[in-house]
Protein backbone atom coordinates (compact mmCIF):
# COMPACT_ATOMS: atom_id res chain seq x y z
CA UNK A 1 3.84 32.06 -23.09
CA UNK A 2 4.94 34.45 -20.18
CA UNK A 3 7.30 32.84 -17.65
CA UNK A 4 7.50 33.23 -14.04
CA UNK A 5 10.65 35.61 -14.09
CA UNK A 6 8.82 37.86 -16.45
CA UNK A 7 5.71 37.86 -14.54
CA UNK A 8 7.58 38.69 -11.28
CA UNK A 9 9.49 41.52 -12.96
CA UNK A 10 6.24 43.07 -14.43
CA UNK A 11 4.46 42.78 -11.03
CA UNK A 12 7.28 44.20 -9.00
CA UNK A 13 7.70 47.18 -11.24
CA UNK A 14 3.95 47.84 -10.95
CA UNK A 15 4.28 47.55 -7.06
CA UNK A 16 7.42 49.75 -6.75
CA UNK A 17 5.88 52.44 -9.09
CA UNK A 18 2.84 52.48 -6.65
CA UNK A 19 5.12 52.70 -3.70
CA UNK A 20 3.09 49.83 -2.15
CA UNK A 21 4.20 48.88 1.32
CA UNK A 22 4.10 45.10 2.37
CA UNK A 23 1.51 45.59 5.11
CA UNK A 24 -0.93 47.42 2.64
CA UNK A 25 -0.35 44.44 0.11
CA UNK A 26 -1.33 41.89 2.83
CA UNK A 27 -4.77 43.26 3.11
CA UNK A 28 -7.08 41.20 5.31
CA UNK A 29 -4.15 38.86 6.24
CA UNK A 30 -2.88 41.54 8.86
CA UNK A 31 -5.96 40.82 11.04
CA UNK A 32 -7.05 37.32 10.13
CA UNK A 33 -8.10 34.95 12.95
CA UNK A 34 -8.77 31.93 10.55
CA UNK A 35 -7.31 28.95 12.36
CA UNK A 36 -6.26 27.37 9.01
CA UNK A 37 -3.87 30.25 8.69
CA UNK A 38 -3.10 31.33 12.28
CA UNK A 39 -2.37 27.80 13.60
CA UNK A 40 0.92 27.41 11.82
CA UNK A 41 2.13 30.95 10.73
CA UNK A 42 0.21 33.56 12.87
CA UNK A 43 1.13 36.99 11.30
CA UNK A 44 3.76 35.81 9.20
CA UNK A 45 2.64 36.21 5.52
CA UNK A 46 4.70 36.98 2.39
CA UNK A 47 3.78 40.33 0.64
CA UNK A 48 3.28 38.90 -2.74
CA UNK A 49 2.54 35.49 -4.25
CA UNK A 50 4.95 33.60 -6.40
CA UNK A 51 4.56 33.63 -9.86
CA UNK A 52 5.18 30.68 -12.35
CA UNK A 53 4.54 30.25 -16.00
CA UNK A 54 2.46 27.38 -17.05
CA UNK A 55 5.26 25.60 -19.06
CA UNK A 56 7.26 25.70 -16.00
CA UNK A 57 4.72 24.21 -13.88
CA UNK A 58 3.74 21.50 -16.42
CA UNK A 59 7.45 20.46 -16.58
CA UNK A 60 7.99 20.58 -12.78
CA UNK A 61 4.82 18.45 -12.31
CA UNK A 62 6.04 15.87 -14.95
CA UNK A 63 9.25 15.60 -13.05
CA UNK A 64 7.74 15.10 -9.72
CA UNK A 65 5.12 12.55 -11.13
CA UNK A 66 8.10 10.50 -12.34
CA UNK A 67 9.79 11.03 -8.91
CA UNK A 68 6.50 9.78 -7.18
CA UNK A 69 6.27 6.70 -9.47
CA UNK A 70 9.77 5.62 -9.06
CA UNK A 71 9.66 6.05 -5.28
CA UNK A 72 6.87 3.81 -4.76
CA UNK A 73 8.27 1.35 -7.22
CA UNK A 74 11.52 1.11 -5.14
CA UNK A 75 10.43 -1.93 -2.94
CA UNK A 76 9.86 -3.92 -6.23
CA UNK A 77 12.83 -2.55 -8.06
CA UNK A 78 15.45 -3.12 -5.17
CA UNK A 79 13.99 -5.59 -2.71
CA UNK A 80 11.95 -7.93 -4.75
CA UNK A 81 8.71 -6.41 -3.42
CA UNK A 82 9.71 -6.73 0.19
CA UNK A 83 8.59 -3.65 1.99
CA UNK A 84 10.04 -4.65 5.16
CA UNK A 85 13.46 -4.61 3.62
CA UNK A 86 12.75 -1.40 1.90
CA UNK A 87 11.92 0.16 5.43
CA UNK A 88 15.24 -1.30 6.65
CA UNK A 89 16.99 0.16 3.85
CA UNK A 90 15.68 3.73 4.42
CA UNK A 91 16.68 3.67 7.92
CA UNK A 92 13.66 2.51 9.88
CA UNK A 93 13.51 0.15 12.77
CA UNK A 94 11.38 -2.79 11.57
CA UNK A 95 10.61 -4.13 14.79
CA UNK A 96 9.02 -0.81 15.83
CA UNK A 97 5.45 -0.62 16.29
CA UNK A 98 4.91 2.16 13.72
CA UNK A 99 6.71 0.17 11.12
CA UNK A 100 4.83 -3.10 12.04
CA UNK A 101 1.62 -1.16 11.68
CA UNK A 102 2.70 0.32 8.35
CA UNK A 103 3.40 -3.09 7.14
CA UNK A 104 0.28 -4.45 8.29
CA UNK A 105 -1.71 -1.77 6.60
CA UNK A 106 0.22 -1.90 3.49
CA UNK A 107 -2.05 -1.30 0.40
CA UNK A 108 0.51 -1.63 -2.55
CA UNK A 109 -0.08 1.93 -3.63
CA UNK A 110 0.95 5.00 -1.84
CA UNK A 111 -1.43 8.19 -1.96
CA UNK A 112 -1.00 10.48 -4.82
CA UNK A 113 -1.03 13.45 -2.26
CA UNK A 114 2.42 14.78 -1.88
CA UNK A 115 4.39 17.79 -1.46
CA UNK A 116 7.81 18.35 -3.00
CA UNK A 117 9.88 21.18 -1.27
CA UNK A 118 12.06 22.68 -3.80
CA UNK A 119 14.48 25.72 -4.37
CA UNK A 120 14.84 27.47 -7.71
CA UNK A 121 18.56 27.86 -8.50
CA UNK A 122 19.98 29.25 -11.84
CA UNK A 123 19.13 25.93 -13.71
CA UNK A 124 15.56 25.73 -12.41
CA UNK A 125 13.40 23.65 -9.70
CA UNK A 126 15.83 21.41 -7.39
CA UNK A 127 14.13 18.95 -5.11
CA UNK A 128 15.21 19.15 -1.43
CA UNK A 129 12.59 16.52 0.00
CA UNK A 130 9.59 14.82 -0.79
CA UNK A 131 6.70 14.57 1.51
CA UNK A 132 3.97 11.93 1.16
CA UNK A 133 0.70 11.10 2.95
CA UNK A 134 -2.07 12.94 4.41
CA UNK A 135 -0.54 14.93 7.34
CA UNK A 136 0.98 17.72 5.07
CA UNK A 137 1.04 21.54 6.07
CA UNK A 138 0.56 24.30 3.60
CA UNK A 139 -2.61 22.95 1.93
CA UNK A 140 -4.47 26.15 2.78
CA UNK A 141 -2.21 28.23 0.51
CA UNK A 142 -4.83 29.24 -1.70
CA UNK A 143 -6.60 31.11 1.12
CA UNK A 144 -3.40 33.41 1.33
CA UNK A 145 -3.39 33.91 -2.41
CA UNK A 146 -7.25 34.89 -2.34
CA UNK A 147 -6.47 37.19 0.51
CA UNK A 148 -3.69 39.01 -1.50
CA UNK A 149 -5.98 39.18 -4.45
CA UNK A 150 -8.27 41.70 -2.51
CA UNK A 151 -5.78 44.32 -3.04
CA UNK A 152 -6.55 46.07 -6.57
CA UNK A 153 -3.07 46.18 -7.61
CA UNK A 154 -2.69 42.39 -7.59
CA UNK A 155 -6.27 41.64 -8.70
CA UNK A 156 -5.74 43.93 -11.79
CA UNK A 157 -2.43 42.17 -12.56
CA UNK A 158 -3.84 38.85 -12.29
CA UNK A 159 -6.82 39.61 -14.51
CA UNK A 160 -4.53 41.17 -17.11
CA UNK A 161 -2.43 38.07 -17.11
CA UNK A 162 -5.34 35.50 -16.58
CA UNK A 163 -3.66 34.28 -13.36
CA UNK A 164 -5.06 32.16 -10.53
CA UNK A 165 -4.54 29.91 -7.61
CA UNK A 166 -4.99 26.14 -7.56
CA UNK A 167 -7.02 25.24 -4.44
CA UNK A 168 -5.05 22.71 -2.75
CA UNK A 169 -7.73 21.77 -0.17
CA UNK A 170 -10.12 21.13 -3.12
CA UNK A 171 -7.62 18.95 -4.71
CA UNK A 172 -6.91 17.17 -1.45
CA UNK A 173 -10.77 16.34 -1.16
CA UNK A 174 -10.63 15.13 -4.72
CA UNK A 175 -7.66 12.90 -4.14
CA UNK A 176 -9.42 11.47 -1.06
CA UNK A 177 -12.48 10.72 -2.93
CA UNK A 178 -10.71 9.15 -5.85
CA UNK A 179 -8.52 6.95 -3.52
CA UNK A 180 -11.46 5.86 -1.50
CA UNK A 181 -13.33 4.80 -4.54
CA UNK A 182 -15.99 7.46 -3.91
CA UNK A 183 -15.80 9.85 -6.75
CA UNK A 184 -18.76 8.50 -8.55
CA UNK A 185 -21.08 8.36 -5.27
CA UNK A 186 -20.17 11.89 -4.44
CA UNK A 187 -20.88 13.06 -8.03
CA UNK A 188 -24.35 11.38 -7.94
CA UNK A 189 -25.18 13.43 -4.61
CA UNK A 190 -24.06 11.15 -1.91
CA UNK A 191 -22.03 13.02 0.76
CA UNK A 192 -19.31 10.63 2.08
CA UNK A 193 -18.81 10.61 5.80
CA UNK A 194 -15.02 11.67 6.52
CA UNK A 195 -13.51 11.59 10.03
CA UNK A 196 -10.81 14.37 10.04
CA UNK A 197 -8.87 12.35 12.46
CA UNK A 198 -6.11 13.61 14.78
CA UNK A 199 -4.16 12.03 17.67
CA UNK A 200 -5.71 12.47 21.18
CA UNK A 201 -2.61 14.28 22.40
CA UNK A 202 -2.78 16.83 19.31
CA UNK A 203 -3.24 20.62 19.98
CA UNK A 204 -4.82 21.40 16.60
CA UNK A 205 -8.48 21.00 17.49
CA UNK A 206 -9.44 24.54 16.01
CA UNK A 207 -7.63 23.85 12.73
CA UNK A 208 -9.23 20.32 12.42
CA UNK A 209 -12.73 21.77 13.00
CA UNK A 210 -12.07 24.36 10.53
CA UNK A 211 -10.64 21.87 7.95
CA UNK A 212 -13.73 19.67 8.39
CA UNK A 213 -15.99 22.62 7.68
CA UNK A 214 -14.09 23.40 4.60
CA UNK A 215 -14.49 19.85 3.42
CA UNK A 216 -18.20 19.89 4.01
CA UNK A 217 -18.33 22.86 1.67
CA UNK A 218 -16.59 20.75 -0.95
CA UNK A 219 -19.17 17.90 -0.77
CA UNK A 220 -18.23 15.75 2.26
CA UNK A 221 -20.05 15.25 5.52
CA UNK A 222 -16.87 15.79 7.48
CA UNK A 223 -16.13 16.11 11.29
CA UNK A 224 -12.97 16.44 13.35
CA UNK A 225 -12.23 13.88 15.90
CA UNK A 226 -9.20 12.13 17.37
CA UNK A 227 -8.52 8.48 16.76
CA UNK A 228 -9.92 7.43 20.50
CA UNK A 229 -13.52 8.78 19.38
CA UNK A 230 -13.64 6.34 16.51
CA UNK A 231 -15.23 2.79 17.39
CA UNK A 232 -15.17 -0.27 15.04
CA UNK A 233 -18.46 -2.07 15.47
CA UNK A 234 -21.52 -3.57 13.69
CA UNK A 235 -19.52 -4.02 10.36
CA UNK A 236 -18.16 -0.61 10.12
CA UNK A 237 -16.26 2.34 11.98
CA UNK A 238 -18.48 4.73 13.74
CA UNK A 239 -18.08 8.44 14.95
CA UNK A 240 -20.75 8.43 17.58
CA UNK A 241 -23.89 7.81 15.52
CA UNK A 242 -22.36 8.16 12.03
CA UNK A 243 -20.94 5.37 10.19
CA UNK A 244 -17.57 6.64 8.70
CA UNK A 245 -16.64 6.13 4.86
CA UNK A 246 -13.35 7.44 5.16
CA UNK A 247 -10.79 7.87 8.07
CA UNK A 248 -8.91 11.14 7.10
CA UNK A 249 -5.67 10.45 8.87
CA UNK A 250 -4.18 13.84 9.92
CA UNK A 251 -1.59 12.40 12.36
CA UNK A 252 1.74 11.17 11.36
CA UNK A 253 3.15 7.59 11.60
CA UNK A 254 5.42 8.68 14.57
CA UNK A 255 2.30 9.08 16.66
CA UNK A 256 2.25 5.49 16.89
CA UNK A 257 5.23 5.53 19.23
CA UNK A 258 2.69 6.57 21.77
CA UNK A 259 2.36 3.43 24.21
CA UNK A 260 -1.45 3.80 23.97
CA UNK A 261 -1.46 3.41 20.09
CA UNK A 262 -2.02 -0.09 19.60
CA UNK A 263 -5.59 -0.38 21.10
CA UNK A 264 -6.45 2.81 19.11
CA UNK A 265 -5.25 1.89 15.73
CA UNK A 266 -5.49 -1.90 15.70
CA UNK A 267 -9.44 -1.99 15.26
CA UNK A 268 -9.10 0.77 12.72
CA UNK A 269 -6.62 -1.21 10.69
CA UNK A 270 -8.62 -4.40 10.77
CA UNK A 271 -11.77 -2.45 9.68
CA UNK A 272 -9.83 -1.09 6.77
CA UNK A 273 -8.39 -4.59 5.84
CA UNK A 274 -11.94 -5.89 5.76
CA UNK A 275 -13.00 -3.13 3.52
CA UNK A 276 -15.33 -1.58 6.00
CA UNK A 277 -13.72 1.91 5.94
CA UNK A 278 -11.04 3.57 3.89
CA UNK A 279 -7.88 5.24 5.29
CA UNK A 280 -6.65 8.21 3.58
CA UNK A 281 -3.64 8.32 3.39
CA UNK A 282 -2.61 4.75 4.06
CA UNK A 283 0.15 4.44 6.73
CA UNK A 284 2.59 3.17 4.14
CA UNK A 285 2.63 6.37 2.22
CA UNK A 286 5.06 8.31 4.41
CA UNK A 287 7.87 5.80 4.13
CA UNK A 288 8.33 6.60 0.57
CA UNK A 289 9.02 10.26 1.60
CA UNK A 290 12.28 9.07 3.60
CA UNK A 291 15.21 11.10 2.33
CA UNK A 292 17.21 7.73 1.92
CA UNK A 293 14.61 6.78 -0.80
CA UNK A 294 15.62 9.92 -2.86
CA UNK A 295 19.36 8.82 -2.30
CA UNK A 296 18.26 5.47 -3.98
CA UNK A 297 16.89 7.49 -6.89
CA UNK A 298 20.18 9.42 -7.18
CA UNK A 299 22.61 6.57 -6.70
CA UNK A 300 24.59 5.94 -9.88
CA UNK A 301 24.42 2.16 -8.98
CA UNK A 302 20.64 2.17 -9.61
CA UNK A 303 20.40 4.07 -12.78
CA UNK A 304 19.99 0.79 -14.86
CA UNK A 305 16.75 0.28 -13.17
CA UNK A 306 15.08 3.41 -14.76
CA UNK A 307 13.84 4.53 -17.94
CA UNK A 308 15.30 7.31 -19.93
CA UNK A 309 12.49 9.64 -19.12
CA UNK A 310 12.92 8.96 -15.36
CA UNK A 311 16.51 9.57 -15.63
CA UNK A 312 16.01 12.88 -17.29
CA UNK A 313 13.70 13.95 -14.55
CA UNK A 314 16.07 12.87 -11.83
CA UNK A 315 18.98 14.70 -13.43
CA UNK A 316 16.94 17.86 -14.03
CA UNK A 317 15.37 18.08 -10.42
CA UNK A 318 17.17 15.92 -7.97
CA UNK A 319 20.53 17.26 -6.41
CA UNK A 320 23.34 14.70 -5.79
CA UNK A 321 22.11 12.69 -2.76
CA UNK A 322 23.74 9.66 -1.08
CA UNK A 323 23.23 7.49 1.96
CA UNK A 324 25.98 8.59 4.41
CA UNK A 325 28.26 5.26 4.79
CA UNK A 326 31.86 4.38 4.50
CA UNK A 327 33.04 3.59 0.87
CA UNK A 328 33.56 5.12 -2.52
CA UNK A 329 31.00 7.06 -4.37
CA UNK A 330 30.62 8.74 -7.90
CA UNK A 331 30.43 12.41 -8.01
CA UNK A 332 28.36 14.23 -10.73
CA UNK A 333 31.34 14.51 -12.98
CA UNK A 334 32.22 10.81 -12.84
CA UNK A 335 34.92 11.04 -10.33
CA UNK A 336 35.23 8.42 -7.60
CA UNK A 337 35.87 9.46 -4.26
CA UNK A 338 35.74 8.10 -0.60
CA UNK A 339 32.44 9.44 0.92
CA UNK A 340 33.58 10.23 4.30
CA UNK A 341 36.72 11.78 3.40
CA UNK A 342 35.07 13.85 0.55
CA UNK A 343 32.38 14.91 2.87
CA UNK A 344 34.85 16.20 5.63
CA UNK A 345 36.65 18.37 3.02
CA UNK A 346 33.71 19.94 1.30
CA UNK A 347 31.57 21.07 4.11
CA UNK A 348 30.49 24.38 2.23
CA UNK A 349 29.01 22.53 -0.46
CA UNK A 350 27.00 19.83 1.48
CA UNK A 351 24.19 19.08 4.03
CA UNK A 352 23.52 16.02 6.21
CA UNK A 353 20.09 15.21 6.83
CA UNK A 354 18.38 12.52 9.09
CA UNK A 355 16.63 10.24 6.59
CA UNK A 356 13.19 10.21 8.52
CA UNK A 357 13.23 13.63 9.93
CA UNK A 358 10.70 16.57 9.05
CA UNK A 359 10.70 20.19 9.82
CA UNK A 360 14.45 20.70 9.46
CA UNK A 361 15.14 18.50 12.65
CA UNK A 362 18.45 17.32 12.93
CA UNK A 363 19.91 18.99 9.83
CA UNK A 364 23.44 20.16 9.79
CA UNK A 365 24.33 22.92 6.94
CA UNK A 366 27.99 22.70 6.18
CA UNK A 367 28.00 26.35 5.12
CA UNK A 368 26.37 27.53 8.29
CA UNK A 369 28.92 30.01 9.98
CA UNK A 370 27.83 28.29 13.29
CA UNK A 371 29.16 24.97 12.03
CA UNK A 372 32.78 24.84 12.82
CA UNK A 373 35.10 22.32 11.09
CA UNK A 374 34.87 20.21 14.18
CA UNK A 375 31.28 20.49 14.69
CA UNK A 376 30.84 19.38 11.08
CA UNK A 377 33.18 16.42 11.32
CA UNK A 378 31.42 15.27 14.63
CA UNK A 379 28.10 15.47 12.75
CA UNK A 380 29.51 13.20 9.94
CA UNK A 381 30.97 10.76 12.61
CA UNK A 382 27.63 10.61 14.49
CA UNK A 383 25.75 10.08 11.35
CA UNK A 384 28.28 7.28 10.32
CA UNK A 385 27.83 5.55 13.40
CA UNK A 386 24.44 4.59 12.77
CA UNK A 387 24.42 3.11 9.32
CA UNK A 388 21.65 4.32 6.85
CA UNK A 389 20.41 6.93 9.28
CA UNK A 390 21.50 10.00 7.43
CA UNK A 391 21.92 11.19 3.79
CA UNK A 392 24.43 13.53 2.36
CA UNK A 393 23.11 16.12 -0.23
CA UNK A 394 24.62 18.62 -2.56
CA UNK A 395 23.91 22.09 -1.46
CA UNK A 396 21.46 23.98 -3.68
CA UNK A 397 21.97 27.73 -3.99
CA UNK A 398 18.57 29.33 -4.59
CA UNK A 399 18.24 32.43 -6.30
CA UNK A 400 16.51 35.11 -4.10
CA UNK A 401 13.26 36.40 -4.88
CA UNK A 402 12.27 40.20 -4.42
CA UNK A 403 9.33 41.18 -2.41
CA UNK A 404 7.96 44.51 -1.65
CA UNK A 405 9.15 45.74 1.59
CA UNK A 406 7.56 47.56 4.60
CA UNK A 407 9.57 50.86 3.99
CA UNK A 408 9.56 50.90 0.21
CA UNK A 409 11.83 49.27 -2.15
CA UNK A 410 12.29 45.60 -2.75
CA UNK A 411 13.91 43.05 -0.36
CA UNK A 412 15.45 39.72 -1.26
CA UNK A 413 14.13 36.59 0.24
CA UNK A 414 15.05 32.84 0.10
CA UNK A 415 12.02 30.84 -0.84
CA UNK A 416 11.03 27.12 -0.49
CA UNK A 417 8.36 26.39 -3.16
CA UNK A 418 6.06 23.49 -1.80
CA UNK A 419 4.59 22.10 -4.98
CA UNK A 420 1.68 19.80 -4.15
CA UNK A 421 0.45 16.82 -6.57
CA UNK A 422 -2.90 14.84 -6.25
CA UNK A 423 -5.12 12.43 -8.09
CA UNK A 424 -5.83 15.17 -10.75
CA UNK A 425 -2.30 16.36 -11.28
CA UNK A 426 -0.59 19.61 -9.98
CA UNK A 427 -2.49 20.54 -6.81
CA UNK A 428 -1.08 24.04 -5.87
CA UNK A 429 1.83 25.63 -4.42
CA UNK A 430 2.79 26.65 -0.77
CA UNK A 431 5.66 29.02 -0.39
CA UNK A 432 7.87 29.58 2.69
CA UNK A 433 10.41 32.31 2.87
CA UNK A 434 13.09 33.96 5.00
CA UNK A 435 15.09 37.21 4.51
CA UNK A 436 17.87 36.47 2.45
CA UNK A 437 20.22 37.19 5.39
CA UNK A 438 19.10 33.95 6.81
CA UNK A 439 20.47 31.91 3.92
CA UNK A 440 22.37 29.73 6.48
CA UNK A 441 19.14 28.48 8.14
CA UNK A 442 16.63 25.76 7.10
CA UNK A 443 13.57 27.51 5.55
CA UNK A 444 10.76 26.17 7.59
CA UNK A 445 8.09 27.16 10.00
CA UNK A 446 10.22 26.38 13.06
CA UNK A 447 12.73 29.01 11.97
CA UNK A 448 10.01 31.54 11.63
CA UNK A 449 9.39 31.16 7.83
CA UNK A 450 6.66 33.53 6.24
CA UNK A 451 3.86 31.75 4.07
CA UNK A 452 2.47 32.45 0.81
CA UNK A 453 0.91 31.09 -2.29
CA UNK A 454 1.59 31.06 -6.10
CA UNK A 455 -0.30 32.56 -9.15
CA UNK A 456 0.01 31.09 -12.45
CA UNK A 457 -1.68 31.22 -15.82
CA UNK A 458 -4.97 29.42 -15.63
CA UNK A 459 -5.05 26.29 -17.92
CA UNK A 460 -7.02 26.37 -21.06
């Protein structure tokens, strides 16, 4: 079966012979006004999709599924089932209102909807972080792929190799229905009412209304709103005159730091606890995406807790990751070193990340030319001053991907693969990229990353 590298080489050869320019290949994306695309990455689109082989995606998904299962089992495996102790272990302030609300709404089963952010190095996929819950960006990636497929060069290539995009939004809806217990009802013709719920202060109204319209075409009766517009009464939760089956929570847990949060969220949590409404995804989903949770999987002291299959997946996909704290650790080669001393002397091969951050906030790349030795030591000292607040991770060196340029020829880019999983398995891939000259930056939207999709052989 053809692998991704071969598909990429074949397509780039065809694009190069056609002297296709990036803007030509983008087609309708150059003028799109769709809020699903322009809200997060207006005008920043990769000039081709990523390509992956079926076997590669299947292996990646199998590894990620084992990581997902292992992450949500950590409270039981390490803390005797005490979710509060686990929350403290990943650096959360257990007396904060968001964590108190999370513990109160604990369901015992995190959502299957997740996005793993990975680089591809010379050995394959390597996991940088694991994002869980409902407030995930990039689910609209198939829209980007379908727009690119309007160009005859790509559409002909895709037809020849039987390539297609997995629709992540469709998989999002399927996961919502499955986890709300509504799959059979929807299959019988019932249209579950879903409130696509943002936080009152959010600026994403246009995006949410467009997403609700998409969900409605996929079998839901969906409407966009914010949490303050929902009312718990008469044995249910209501959005004006419609009783809601599912609160589709599009706001992150940190929104609950808002002093106005308790009177908004408490009645909804009460209704969910009484079984009057489903919440997708439950508040407890996000805590399992903490970077310190990945460090628990990577830690040699915990290896005896996992099966041989789980350990094989961890070793294949997860770079060496440790919670940053004083004391000895074991390196990949079995050597024992003092962690702070080792970190101070190996900046070029390490990155410091806050355990609960997203979007690259607070990340310090030891190899960044702007990070002097003094600044690196200061970052380590600040992290060590707050035990459990940061992780130290081995640098992953991605192999650049080539893309058609605007002035002919091929241009190298650094790409983050955002691989989605859902209730039905692999749920699509969201690509983000920066030109290879920006290799000392985190590849995210805050740094101006370009967005794209992935084509792979269709199953069956």
